[in-house]
Structure formats: C-alpha cells, structure tokens
Amino acid sequence: MKHLLKFQDAHAPRLFFGLEEDIRIAVLKDEIVELQSRLQRTETGYLIPTISTLQQRVREMEKNEVKNGKF
C-alpha cells in the first residue's frame, strides 16, 4: 500500500486526500505490486495478463492526466 499511503491523512488514517484520479492510480499500482508478489517462476495462469492489463490502465490514466494538463 505504499502508493496509496501517500494520500493518507496522518491524523485520521481512514481518510485519504488528493485528486480522485491520483488515488485511483495509486490503488492500481498497489494492486500490481501485490499481484507481482504472488507470481511463481512457472506462472502461466491469470496473473500475468491481469498485471499487464492493470499496467496498461495505469499508463492510460497517467497519459490522460498529462493530456489534461495535470503534469
């Protein structure tokens, strides 16, 4: 949860502050890290395509932020 923790309020740990899009990206990045930690050397199941799909979604969202002038 290292990506999402950047948006956590220090005084109210259940509250998160920031732009919705940034929080969504942080959650997806944390999910990617979690799924990567579950990979086995001989992985041929659903994890690799799932990770790839999430990574593509993050790239799309970040590109959209750049296009809309956030960066």
Protein backbone atom coordinates (compact mmCIF):
# COMPACT_ATOMS: atom_id res chain seq x y z
CA MET A 1 0.00 0.00 0.00
CA LYS A 2 2.95 2.32 -0.35
CA HIS A 3 1.38 4.22 -3.27
CA LEU A 4 -1.93 4.82 -1.51
CA LEU A 5 -0.32 5.77 1.79
CA LYS A 6 0.94 9.00 0.20
CA PHE A 7 -2.67 10.19 0.27
CA GLN A 8 -3.49 9.08 3.82
CA ASP A 9 -4.29 11.68 6.45
CA ALA A 10 -1.83 11.47 9.35
CA HIS A 11 -4.47 12.32 11.95
CA ALA A 12 -7.30 10.23 10.54
CA PRO A 13 -5.83 7.08 8.98
CA ARG A 14 -9.11 6.09 7.34
CA LEU A 15 -9.25 9.31 5.34
CA PHE A 16 -7.42 9.87 2.09
CA PHE A 17 -6.91 13.26 0.50
CA GLY A 18 -6.00 14.04 -3.08
CA LEU A 19 -7.42 14.08 -6.54
CA GLU A 20 -9.68 11.12 -7.26
CA GLU A 21 -7.68 10.17 -10.35
CA ASP A 22 -4.41 10.14 -8.38
CA ILE A 23 -5.93 7.92 -5.70
CA ARG A 24 -7.28 5.53 -8.34
CA ILE A 25 -3.84 5.26 -9.93
CA ALA A 26 -2.24 4.66 -6.52
CA VAL A 27 -4.69 1.85 -5.78
CA LEU A 28 -3.99 0.21 -9.14
CA LYS A 29 -0.23 0.48 -8.61
CA ASP A 30 -0.56 -1.13 -5.18
CA GLU A 31 -2.65 -3.91 -6.70
CA ILE A 32 0.03 -4.51 -9.36
CA VAL A 33 2.70 -4.80 -6.66
CA GLU A 34 0.54 -7.27 -4.72
CA LEU A 35 -0.12 -9.44 -7.76
CA GLN A 36 3.56 -9.39 -8.75
CA SER A 37 4.44 -10.66 -5.29
CA ARG A 38 2.21 -13.69 -5.92
CA LEU A 39 3.90 -14.70 -9.18
CA GLN A 40 5.61 -18.06 -9.30
CA ARG A 41 8.50 -18.91 -11.63
CA THR A 42 6.29 -21.13 -13.73
CA GLU A 43 3.31 -18.77 -13.79
CA THR A 44 1.06 -19.40 -16.76
CA GLY A 45 -2.29 -18.59 -15.20
CA TYR A 46 -4.28 -15.41 -14.90
CA LEU A 47 -1.77 -13.25 -13.02
CA ILE A 48 0.45 -12.18 -15.93
CA PRO A 49 -2.43 -10.99 -18.16
CA THR A 50 -4.10 -9.34 -15.18
CA ILE A 51 -0.91 -7.46 -14.24
CA SER A 52 -0.42 -6.43 -17.86
CA THR A 53 -3.99 -5.12 -18.10
CA LEU A 54 -3.62 -3.11 -14.89
CA GLN A 55 -0.30 -1.66 -16.05
CA GLN A 56 -1.89 -0.61 -19.34
CA ARG A 57 -4.76 1.03 -17.46
CA VAL A 58 -2.30 2.99 -15.28
CA ARG A 59 -0.47 4.17 -18.42
CA GLU A 60 -3.78 5.28 -19.95
CA MET A 61 -4.79 7.17 -16.82
CA GLU A 62 -1.40 8.85 -16.49
CA LYS A 63 -1.43 9.79 -20.17
CA ASN A 64 -4.89 11.28 -19.72
CA GLU A 65 -3.62 13.36 -16.79
CA VAL A 66 -0.76 14.70 -18.91
CA LYS A 67 -3.13 15.46 -21.76
CA ASN A 68 -5.47 17.32 -19.43
CA GLY A 69 -2.63 19.44 -18.08
CA LYS A 70 -2.11 17.93 -14.65
CA PHE A 71 1.64 17.40 -15.11
